[in-house]
Amino acid sequence: MPGTHTYQMVENELQQSGLTPVETKIYLTILELGSASANDVARKSGIHRRSVYDAMERLIEKGLVAYMKEDEHRVYQAADPERLLSRIDEQRRDLQKILPELKLKYSMSKEHEQTLFYKGKEGLKTIFAEQIEDAKEVMVFGGNLRAGEIIKYYFPKYTTRRVEKKIAFRIIYCSDDRREEPIPLAKVRYLPAGYGSLAATNVWGDKVAILIWTENPLGILIKNREVAKAYKEYFELLWGLAKE
């Protein structure tokens, strides 16, 4: 745990980035614990459990916290602190002052295979940020054109960063969603009409993301080598059946 002066500076900078004092304290508490239930966070932070739940939902919406299910209970985990930088570009330099301290907390958390749930547009942006960070080929099937409408102002920036890092895409659309304009660094094939869905699956590295493109979208991120391998094999089967 950093000294009092450093900790106060971290709190101040996080609040300058748009977090409330309660959100700031909860976010730092989760970073310190690595992963925790709402009860754990309430005990550690000294904040009433009801306030913890309310603030946690706001942090989830902002893409800074996700949760996984263990024995029907939610266990919360902070997103990589790099996510903070994309939230407010004009304060990048200030955030970089505190980023090493936050990254230290994050790296001390025990990494393990997990399933995380993200809610809302900001949550899905967090998943896409992981794709950029990992810089692996991304395989997409069940891709849905509705995605471009839901977070249309985000995708141009995402595509620019993807091209800069030379991240290739292979995408399988339904023929109902045929695109005319080309997608940079992407190969596209199509399955017959009638296979469209609001759900899309993204596979890269050891990760699988299932994205539900409703008005309030939902993302399920699975970090598991064997699961990713199975989805890649399924993708290759579909890729062989799909047509250009």
C-alpha atoms as a PDB file:
ATOM      1  CA  MET A   1       0.000   0.000   0.000  1.00  0.00           C
ATOM      2  CA  PRO A   2       1.471   3.418  -0.930  1.00  0.00           C
ATOM      3  CA  GLY A   3       2.209   6.100   1.645  1.00  0.00           C
ATOM      4  CA  THR A   4      -0.516   8.493   2.760  1.00  0.00           C
ATOM      5  CA  HIS A   5       0.679  11.340   0.531  1.00  0.00           C
ATOM      6  CA  THR A   6       0.939   9.109  -2.567  1.00  0.00           C
ATOM      7  CA  TYR A   7      -2.427   7.491  -1.851  1.00  0.00           C
ATOM      8  CA  GLN A   8      -4.092  10.899  -1.567  1.00  0.00           C
ATOM      9  CA  MET A   9      -2.522  11.945  -4.885  1.00  0.00           C
ATOM     10  CA  VAL A  10      -3.868   8.782  -6.543  1.00  0.00           C
ATOM     11  CA  GLU A  11      -7.339   9.488  -5.110  1.00  0.00           C
ATOM     12  CA  ASN A  12      -7.238  13.102  -6.283  1.00  0.00           C
ATOM     13  CA  GLU A  13      -6.173  12.198  -9.822  1.00  0.00           C
ATOM     14  CA  LEU A  14      -8.853   9.506 -10.133  1.00  0.00           C
ATOM     15  CA  GLN A  15     -11.494  11.967  -9.002  1.00  0.00           C
ATOM     16  CA  GLN A  16     -10.173  14.481 -11.534  1.00  0.00           C
ATOM     17  CA  SER A  17     -10.718  11.814 -14.210  1.00  0.00           C
ATOM     18  CA  GLY A  18     -14.431  11.722 -13.383  1.00  0.00           C
ATOM     19  CA  LEU A  19     -14.840   9.221 -10.531  1.00  0.00           C
ATOM     20  CA  THR A  20     -16.726  10.155  -7.375  1.00  0.00           C
ATOM     21  CA  PRO A  21     -14.923   9.821  -4.005  1.00  0.00           C
ATOM     22  CA  VAL A  22     -16.871   6.622  -3.254  1.00  0.00           C
ATOM     23  CA  GLU A  23     -16.145   5.149  -6.720  1.00  0.00           C
ATOM     24  CA  THR A  24     -12.477   6.028  -6.289  1.00  0.00           C
ATOM     25  CA  LYS A  25     -12.190   4.325  -2.911  1.00  0.00           C
ATOM     26  CA  ILE A  26     -14.012   1.222  -4.131  1.00  0.00           C
ATOM     27  CA  TYR A  27     -11.918   0.997  -7.318  1.00  0.00           C
ATOM     28  CA  LEU A  28      -8.659   1.244  -5.344  1.00  0.00           C
ATOM     29  CA  THR A  29      -9.954  -1.289  -2.811  1.00  0.00           C
ATOM     30  CA  ILE A  30     -10.708  -3.824  -5.566  1.00  0.00           C
ATOM     31  CA  LEU A  31      -7.284  -3.219  -7.098  1.00  0.00           C
ATOM     32  CA  GLU A  32      -5.683  -3.930  -3.740  1.00  0.00           C
ATOM     33  CA  LEU A  33      -7.732  -7.058  -3.090  1.00  0.00           C
ATOM     34  CA  GLY A  34      -7.349  -8.383  -6.649  1.00  0.00           C
ATOM     35  CA  SER A  35     -10.851  -9.862  -6.685  1.00  0.00           C
ATOM     36  CA  ALA A  36     -13.512  -9.517  -4.014  1.00  0.00           C
ATOM     37  CA  SER A  37     -17.183  -9.809  -3.135  1.00  0.00           C
ATOM     38  CA  ALA A  38     -19.235  -6.733  -2.296  1.00  0.00           C
ATOM     39  CA  ASN A  39     -19.016  -7.725   1.381  1.00  0.00           C
ATOM     40  CA  ASP A  40     -15.210  -7.864   1.165  1.00  0.00           C
ATOM     41  CA  VAL A  41     -15.117  -4.420  -0.427  1.00  0.00           C
ATOM     42  CA  ALA A  42     -17.494  -3.001   2.200  1.00  0.00           C
ATOM     43  CA  ARG A  43     -15.395  -4.366   5.067  1.00  0.00           C
ATOM     44  CA  LYS A  44     -12.079  -3.223   3.591  1.00  0.00           C
ATOM     45  CA  SER A  45     -13.250   0.249   2.533  1.00  0.00           C
ATOM     46  CA  GLY A  46     -15.565   0.989   5.457  1.00  0.00           C
ATOM     47  CA  ILE A  47     -18.323   1.983   3.003  1.00  0.00           C
ATOM     48  CA  HIS A  48     -21.890   0.762   3.600  1.00  0.00           C
ATOM     49  CA  ARG A  49     -22.704  -2.305   1.509  1.00  0.00           C
ATOM     50  CA  ARG A  50     -25.664  -0.629  -0.225  1.00  0.00           C
ATOM     51  CA  SER A  51     -23.418   2.221  -1.347  1.00  0.00           C
ATOM     52  CA  VAL A  52     -20.836  -0.326  -2.511  1.00  0.00           C
ATOM     53  CA  TYR A  53     -23.415  -2.054  -4.739  1.00  0.00           C
ATOM     54  CA  ASP A  54     -24.577   1.249  -6.240  1.00  0.00           C
ATOM     55  CA  ALA A  55     -21.048   2.488  -6.931  1.00  0.00           C
ATOM     56  CA  MET A  56     -20.009  -0.904  -8.305  1.00  0.00           C
ATOM     57  CA  GLU A  57     -22.776  -0.764 -10.916  1.00  0.00           C
ATOM     58  CA  ARG A  58     -21.544   2.665 -12.007  1.00  0.00           C
ATOM     59  CA  LEU A  59     -17.968   1.387 -12.279  1.00  0.00           C
ATOM     60  CA  ILE A  60     -19.197  -1.556 -14.372  1.00  0.00           C
ATOM     61  CA  GLU A  61     -21.008   0.870 -16.692  1.00  0.00           C
ATOM     62  CA  LYS A  62     -17.769   2.860 -17.044  1.00  0.00           C
ATOM     63  CA  GLY A  63     -15.875  -0.286 -17.991  1.00  0.00           C
ATOM     64  CA  LEU A  64     -13.568  -0.073 -14.972  1.00  0.00           C
ATOM     65  CA  VAL A  65     -14.915  -3.100 -13.077  1.00  0.00           C
ATOM     66  CA  ALA A  66     -16.262  -6.470 -14.198  1.00  0.00           C
ATOM     67  CA  TYR A  67     -17.611  -9.442 -12.282  1.00  0.00           C
ATOM     68  CA  MET A  68     -17.628 -13.203 -12.448  1.00  0.00           C
ATOM     69  CA  LYS A  69     -19.989 -15.724 -10.857  1.00  0.00           C
ATOM     70  CA  GLU A  70     -18.704 -18.045  -8.131  1.00  0.00           C
ATOM     71  CA  ASP A  71     -21.303 -20.269  -6.445  1.00  0.00           C
ATOM     72  CA  GLU A  72     -24.085 -17.908  -7.606  1.00  0.00           C
ATOM     73  CA  HIS A  73     -22.332 -14.926  -5.990  1.00  0.00           C
ATOM     74  CA  ARG A  74     -20.633 -12.085  -7.786  1.00  0.00           C
ATOM     75  CA  VAL A  75     -16.897 -11.618  -7.394  1.00  0.00           C
ATOM     76  CA  TYR A  76     -15.668  -8.267  -8.683  1.00  0.00           C
ATOM     77  CA  GLN A  77     -12.376  -7.483 -10.398  1.00  0.00           C
ATOM     78  CA  ALA A  78     -10.913  -4.210 -11.621  1.00  0.00           C
ATOM     79  CA  ALA A  79     -10.129  -3.780 -15.307  1.00  0.00           C
ATOM     80  CA  ASP A  80      -6.550  -3.057 -16.277  1.00  0.00           C
ATOM     81  CA  PRO A  81      -5.859   0.567 -15.215  1.00  0.00           C
ATOM     82  CA  GLU A  82      -4.830   1.332 -18.818  1.00  0.00           C
ATOM     83  CA  ARG A  83      -8.596   1.585 -19.386  1.00  0.00           C
ATOM     84  CA  LEU A  84      -8.555   4.872 -17.484  1.00  0.00           C
ATOM     85  CA  LEU A  85      -6.411   6.509 -20.159  1.00  0.00           C
ATOM     86  CA  SER A  86      -8.958   5.957 -22.888  1.00  0.00           C
ATOM     87  CA  ARG A  87     -11.741   7.550 -20.836  1.00  0.00           C
ATOM     88  CA  ILE A  88     -10.363  11.041 -20.836  1.00  0.00           C
ATOM     89  CA  ASP A  89      -7.560  11.815 -23.282  1.00  0.00           C
ATOM     90  CA  GLU A  90      -7.026  15.402 -22.209  1.00  0.00           C
ATOM     91  CA  GLN A  91      -5.870  14.202 -18.755  1.00  0.00           C
ATOM     92  CA  ARG A  92      -3.507  11.537 -20.090  1.00  0.00           C
ATOM     93  CA  ARG A  93      -0.409  13.120 -18.558  1.00  0.00           C
ATOM     94  CA  ASP A  94      -1.969  13.363 -15.103  1.00  0.00           C
ATOM     95  CA  LEU A  95      -3.146   9.773 -15.219  1.00  0.00           C
ATOM     96  CA  GLN A  96       0.278   8.572 -16.308  1.00  0.00           C
ATOM     97  CA  LYS A  97       1.674   9.979 -13.053  1.00  0.00           C
ATOM     98  CA  ILE A  98      -0.387   7.504 -11.038  1.00  0.00           C
ATOM     99  CA  LEU A  99      -0.478   4.628 -13.543  1.00  0.00           C
ATOM    100  CA  PRO A 100       2.665   2.846 -12.240  1.00  0.00           C
ATOM    101  CA  GLU A 101       1.126   2.641  -8.765  1.00  0.00           C
ATOM    102  CA  LEU A 102      -2.129   1.258 -10.173  1.00  0.00           C
ATOM    103  CA  LYS A 103      -0.319  -1.198 -12.450  1.00  0.00           C
ATOM    104  CA  LEU A 104       1.663  -2.466  -9.467  1.00  0.00           C
ATOM    105  CA  LYS A 105      -1.577  -3.275  -7.648  1.00  0.00           C
ATOM    106  CA  TYR A 106      -2.985  -4.943 -10.767  1.00  0.00           C
ATOM    107  CA  SER A 107       0.108  -7.076 -11.378  1.00  0.00           C
ATOM    108  CA  MET A 108       0.038  -8.273  -7.775  1.00  0.00           C
ATOM    109  CA  SER A 109      -3.417  -9.767  -8.310  1.00  0.00           C
ATOM    110  CA  LYS A 110      -3.239 -13.497  -8.949  1.00  0.00           C
ATOM    111  CA  GLU A 111      -4.019 -14.168 -12.584  1.00  0.00           C
ATOM    112  CA  HIS A 112      -6.255 -17.121 -13.332  1.00  0.00           C
ATOM    113  CA  GLU A 113      -8.671 -18.395 -15.946  1.00  0.00           C
ATOM    114  CA  GLN A 114     -11.991 -16.669 -15.554  1.00  0.00           C
ATOM    115  CA  THR A 115     -15.264 -15.513 -17.030  1.00  0.00           C
ATOM    116  CA  LEU A 116     -16.046 -11.802 -16.733  1.00  0.00           C
ATOM    117  CA  PHE A 117     -19.289  -9.975 -17.473  1.00  0.00           C
ATOM    118  CA  TYR A 118     -19.342  -6.447 -18.881  1.00  0.00           C
ATOM    119  CA  LYS A 119     -22.459  -4.288 -19.137  1.00  0.00           C
ATOM    120  CA  GLY A 120     -23.130  -1.305 -21.384  1.00  0.00           C
ATOM    121  CA  LYS A 121     -21.213   0.400 -24.170  1.00  0.00           C
ATOM    122  CA  GLU A 122     -18.234   1.284 -21.980  1.00  0.00           C
ATOM    123  CA  GLY A 123     -17.939  -2.320 -20.872  1.00  0.00           C
ATOM    124  CA  LEU A 124     -17.703  -3.524 -24.482  1.00  0.00           C
ATOM    125  CA  LYS A 125     -15.074  -0.874 -25.195  1.00  0.00           C
ATOM    126  CA  THR A 126     -13.009  -2.474 -22.435  1.00  0.00           C
ATOM    127  CA  ILE A 127     -13.159  -5.806 -24.275  1.00  0.00           C
ATOM    128  CA  PHE A 128     -12.087  -4.168 -27.531  1.00  0.00           C
ATOM    129  CA  ALA A 129      -9.245  -2.442 -25.679  1.00  0.00           C
ATOM    130  CA  GLU A 130      -7.982  -5.911 -24.660  1.00  0.00           C
ATOM    131  CA  GLN A 131      -7.947  -6.927 -28.325  1.00  0.00           C
ATOM    132  CA  ILE A 132      -5.735  -3.944 -29.136  1.00  0.00           C
ATOM    133  CA  GLU A 133      -3.483  -4.669 -26.159  1.00  0.00           C
ATOM    134  CA  ASP A 134      -3.106  -8.378 -27.032  1.00  0.00           C
ATOM    135  CA  ALA A 135      -2.432  -7.649 -30.753  1.00  0.00           C
ATOM    136  CA  LYS A 136      -3.514 -11.117 -31.957  1.00  0.00           C
ATOM    137  CA  GLU A 137      -5.548 -12.050 -35.033  1.00  0.00           C
ATOM    138  CA  VAL A 138      -9.261 -11.728 -34.210  1.00  0.00           C
ATOM    139  CA  MET A 139     -11.781 -14.229 -35.588  1.00  0.00           C
ATOM    140  CA  VAL A 140     -15.390 -13.008 -35.591  1.00  0.00           C
ATOM    141  CA  PHE A 141     -18.495 -14.995 -36.391  1.00  0.00           C
ATOM    142  CA  GLY A 142     -22.088 -13.974 -36.039  1.00  0.00           C
ATOM    143  CA  GLY A 143     -20.856 -10.405 -36.666  1.00  0.00           C
ATOM    144  CA  ASN A 144     -23.709  -7.942 -36.628  1.00  0.00           C
ATOM    145  CA  LEU A 145     -23.915  -4.608 -38.451  1.00  0.00           C
ATOM    146  CA  ARG A 146     -25.956  -3.239 -35.532  1.00  0.00           C
ATOM    147  CA  ALA A 147     -22.692  -2.950 -33.607  1.00  0.00           C
ATOM    148  CA  GLY A 148     -21.681  -0.015 -35.759  1.00  0.00           C
ATOM    149  CA  GLU A 149     -24.844   1.836 -34.793  1.00  0.00           C
ATOM    150  CA  ILE A 150     -24.576   1.221 -31.047  1.00  0.00           C
ATOM    151  CA  ILE A 151     -20.993   2.496 -30.612  1.00  0.00           C
ATOM    152  CA  LYS A 152     -20.495   4.135 -34.013  1.00  0.00           C
ATOM    153  CA  TYR A 153     -18.285   6.956 -32.704  1.00  0.00           C
ATOM    154  CA  TYR A 154     -15.882   4.494 -31.089  1.00  0.00           C
ATOM    155  CA  PHE A 155     -15.220   2.128 -33.986  1.00  0.00           C
ATOM    156  CA  PRO A 156     -13.229   4.544 -36.227  1.00  0.00           C
ATOM    157  CA  LYS A 157     -10.723   5.115 -33.414  1.00  0.00           C
ATOM    158  CA  TYR A 158     -10.644   1.378 -32.654  1.00  0.00           C
ATOM    159  CA  THR A 159     -10.003   0.567 -36.342  1.00  0.00           C
ATOM    160  CA  THR A 160      -7.201   3.140 -36.522  1.00  0.00           C
ATOM    161  CA  ARG A 161      -5.448   1.603 -33.501  1.00  0.00           C
ATOM    162  CA  ARG A 162      -6.014  -1.915 -34.867  1.00  0.00           C
ATOM    163  CA  VAL A 163      -4.431  -1.016 -38.210  1.00  0.00           C
ATOM    164  CA  GLU A 164      -1.515   0.711 -36.471  1.00  0.00           C
ATOM    165  CA  LYS A 165      -0.802  -2.532 -34.592  1.00  0.00           C
ATOM    166  CA  LYS A 166      -1.399  -4.633 -37.753  1.00  0.00           C
ATOM    167  CA  ILE A 167      -4.128  -6.734 -36.110  1.00  0.00           C
ATOM    168  CA  ALA A 168      -5.803  -8.845 -38.798  1.00  0.00           C
ATOM    169  CA  PHE A 169      -9.492  -9.764 -38.788  1.00  0.00           C
ATOM    170  CA  ARG A 170     -11.345 -12.690 -40.287  1.00  0.00           C
ATOM    171  CA  ILE A 171     -15.100 -12.137 -40.131  1.00  0.00           C
ATOM    172  CA  ILE A 172     -18.045 -14.384 -40.972  1.00  0.00           C
ATOM    173  CA  TYR A 173     -21.260 -12.452 -41.553  1.00  0.00           C
ATOM    174  CA  CYS A 174     -24.712 -13.654 -42.450  1.00  0.00           C
ATOM    175  CA  SER A 175     -25.634 -12.832 -46.082  1.00  0.00           C
ATOM    176  CA  ASP A 176     -28.409 -10.616 -44.656  1.00  0.00           C
ATOM    177  CA  ASP A 177     -25.640  -8.336 -43.328  1.00  0.00           C
ATOM    178  CA  ARG A 178     -23.587  -8.071 -46.520  1.00  0.00           C
ATOM    179  CA  ARG A 179     -21.250  -5.068 -46.483  1.00  0.00           C
ATOM    180  CA  GLU A 180     -20.243  -3.034 -49.511  1.00  0.00           C
ATOM    181  CA  GLU A 181     -17.355  -1.014 -48.088  1.00  0.00           C
ATOM    182  CA  PRO A 182     -14.085  -2.881 -47.363  1.00  0.00           C
ATOM    183  CA  ILE A 183     -12.832  -3.385 -43.787  1.00  0.00           C
ATOM    184  CA  PRO A 184      -9.122  -2.605 -43.284  1.00  0.00           C
ATOM    185  CA  LEU A 185      -6.894  -5.633 -42.664  1.00  0.00           C
ATOM    186  CA  ALA A 186      -9.913  -7.956 -42.781  1.00  0.00           C
ATOM    187  CA  LYS A 187     -11.048 -10.938 -44.819  1.00  0.00           C
ATOM    188  CA  VAL A 188     -14.819 -11.392 -44.912  1.00  0.00           C
ATOM    189  CA  ARG A 189     -16.935 -14.408 -45.813  1.00  0.00           C
ATOM    190  CA  TYR A 190     -20.671 -15.000 -45.649  1.00  0.00           C
ATOM    191  CA  LEU A 191     -23.007 -17.758 -44.487  1.00  0.00           C
ATOM    192  CA  PRO A 192     -26.440 -18.169 -46.099  1.00  0.00           C
ATOM    193  CA  ALA A 193     -29.272 -15.798 -45.183  1.00  0.00           C
ATOM    194  CA  GLY A 194     -31.159 -16.592 -42.000  1.00  0.00           C
ATOM    195  CA  TYR A 195     -28.107 -17.188 -39.789  1.00  0.00           C
ATOM    196  CA  GLY A 196     -28.026 -13.636 -38.412  1.00  0.00           C
ATOM    197  CA  SER A 197     -28.146 -12.921 -34.697  1.00  0.00           C
ATOM    198  CA  LEU A 198     -27.780 -10.112 -32.173  1.00  0.00           C
ATOM    199  CA  ALA A 199     -24.900 -12.122 -30.687  1.00  0.00           C
ATOM    200  CA  ALA A 200     -21.371 -12.047 -32.087  1.00  0.00           C
ATOM    201  CA  THR A 201     -18.382 -14.115 -31.005  1.00  0.00           C
ATOM    202  CA  ASN A 202     -14.822 -12.756 -31.061  1.00  0.00           C
ATOM    203  CA  VAL A 203     -11.896 -15.168 -30.597  1.00  0.00           C
ATOM    204  CA  TRP A 204      -8.233 -14.175 -30.208  1.00  0.00           C
ATOM    205  CA  GLY A 205      -5.259 -15.546 -28.326  1.00  0.00           C
ATOM    206  CA  ASP A 206      -6.584 -17.448 -25.303  1.00  0.00           C
ATOM    207  CA  LYS A 207      -9.784 -15.378 -25.093  1.00  0.00           C
ATOM    208  CA  VAL A 208     -13.379 -15.622 -26.294  1.00  0.00           C
ATOM    209  CA  ALA A 209     -15.796 -12.685 -26.130  1.00  0.00           C
ATOM    210  CA  ILE A 210     -19.522 -13.161 -26.672  1.00  0.00           C
ATOM    211  CA  LEU A 211     -21.105  -9.792 -27.453  1.00  0.00           C
ATOM    212  CA  ILE A 212     -24.868  -9.235 -27.297  1.00  0.00           C
ATOM    213  CA  TRP A 213     -25.655  -6.185 -29.425  1.00  0.00           C
ATOM    214  CA  THR A 214     -28.857  -4.948 -27.804  1.00  0.00           C
ATOM    215  CA  GLU A 215     -29.455  -1.260 -27.022  1.00  0.00           C
ATOM    216  CA  ASN A 216     -27.795  -1.832 -23.623  1.00  0.00           C
ATOM    217  CA  PRO A 217     -25.160  -4.333 -24.800  1.00  0.00           C
ATOM    218  CA  LEU A 218     -23.637  -7.145 -22.774  1.00  0.00           C
ATOM    219  CA  GLY A 219     -20.213  -8.741 -23.097  1.00  0.00           C
ATOM    220  CA  ILE A 220     -19.027 -12.081 -21.694  1.00  0.00           C
ATOM    221  CA  LEU A 221     -15.235 -12.472 -21.767  1.00  0.00           C
ATOM    222  CA  ILE A 222     -13.835 -15.972 -21.244  1.00  0.00           C
ATOM    223  CA  LYS A 223     -10.108 -16.301 -20.567  1.00  0.00           C
ATOM    224  CA  ASN A 224      -9.349 -19.978 -21.034  1.00  0.00           C
ATOM    225  CA  ARG A 225      -6.881 -21.653 -23.406  1.00  0.00           C
ATOM    226  CA  GLU A 226      -8.959 -24.783 -24.065  1.00  0.00           C
ATOM    227  CA  VAL A 227     -12.205 -22.871 -24.595  1.00  0.00           C
ATOM    228  CA  ALA A 228     -10.471 -20.531 -27.051  1.00  0.00           C
ATOM    229  CA  LYS A 229      -8.992 -23.514 -28.906  1.00  0.00           C
ATOM    230  CA  ALA A 230     -12.445 -25.109 -29.274  1.00  0.00           C
ATOM    231  CA  TYR A 231     -13.969 -21.874 -30.588  1.00  0.00           C
ATOM    232  CA  LYS A 232     -11.101 -21.439 -33.074  1.00  0.00           C
ATOM    233  CA  GLU A 233     -11.704 -24.941 -34.426  1.00  0.00           C
ATOM    234  CA  TYR A 234     -15.426 -24.161 -34.796  1.00  0.00           C
ATOM    235  CA  PHE A 235     -14.574 -20.900 -36.560  1.00  0.00           C
ATOM    236  CA  GLU A 236     -12.284 -22.691 -39.039  1.00  0.00           C
ATOM    237  CA  LEU A 237     -15.104 -25.136 -39.814  1.00  0.00           C
ATOM    238  CA  LEU A 238     -17.508 -22.260 -40.528  1.00  0.00           C
ATOM    239  CA  TRP A 239     -14.830 -20.388 -42.488  1.00  0.00           C
ATOM    240  CA  GLY A 240     -14.476 -23.385 -44.789  1.00  0.00           C
ATOM    241  CA  LEU A 241     -18.229 -23.453 -45.399  1.00  0.00           C
ATOM    242  CA  ALA A 242     -18.697 -19.699 -45.844  1.00  0.00           C
ATOM    243  CA  LYS A 243     -18.452 -17.971 -49.219  1.00  0.00           C
ATOM    244  CA  GLU A 244     -16.719 -14.762 -50.260  1.00  0.00           C
END
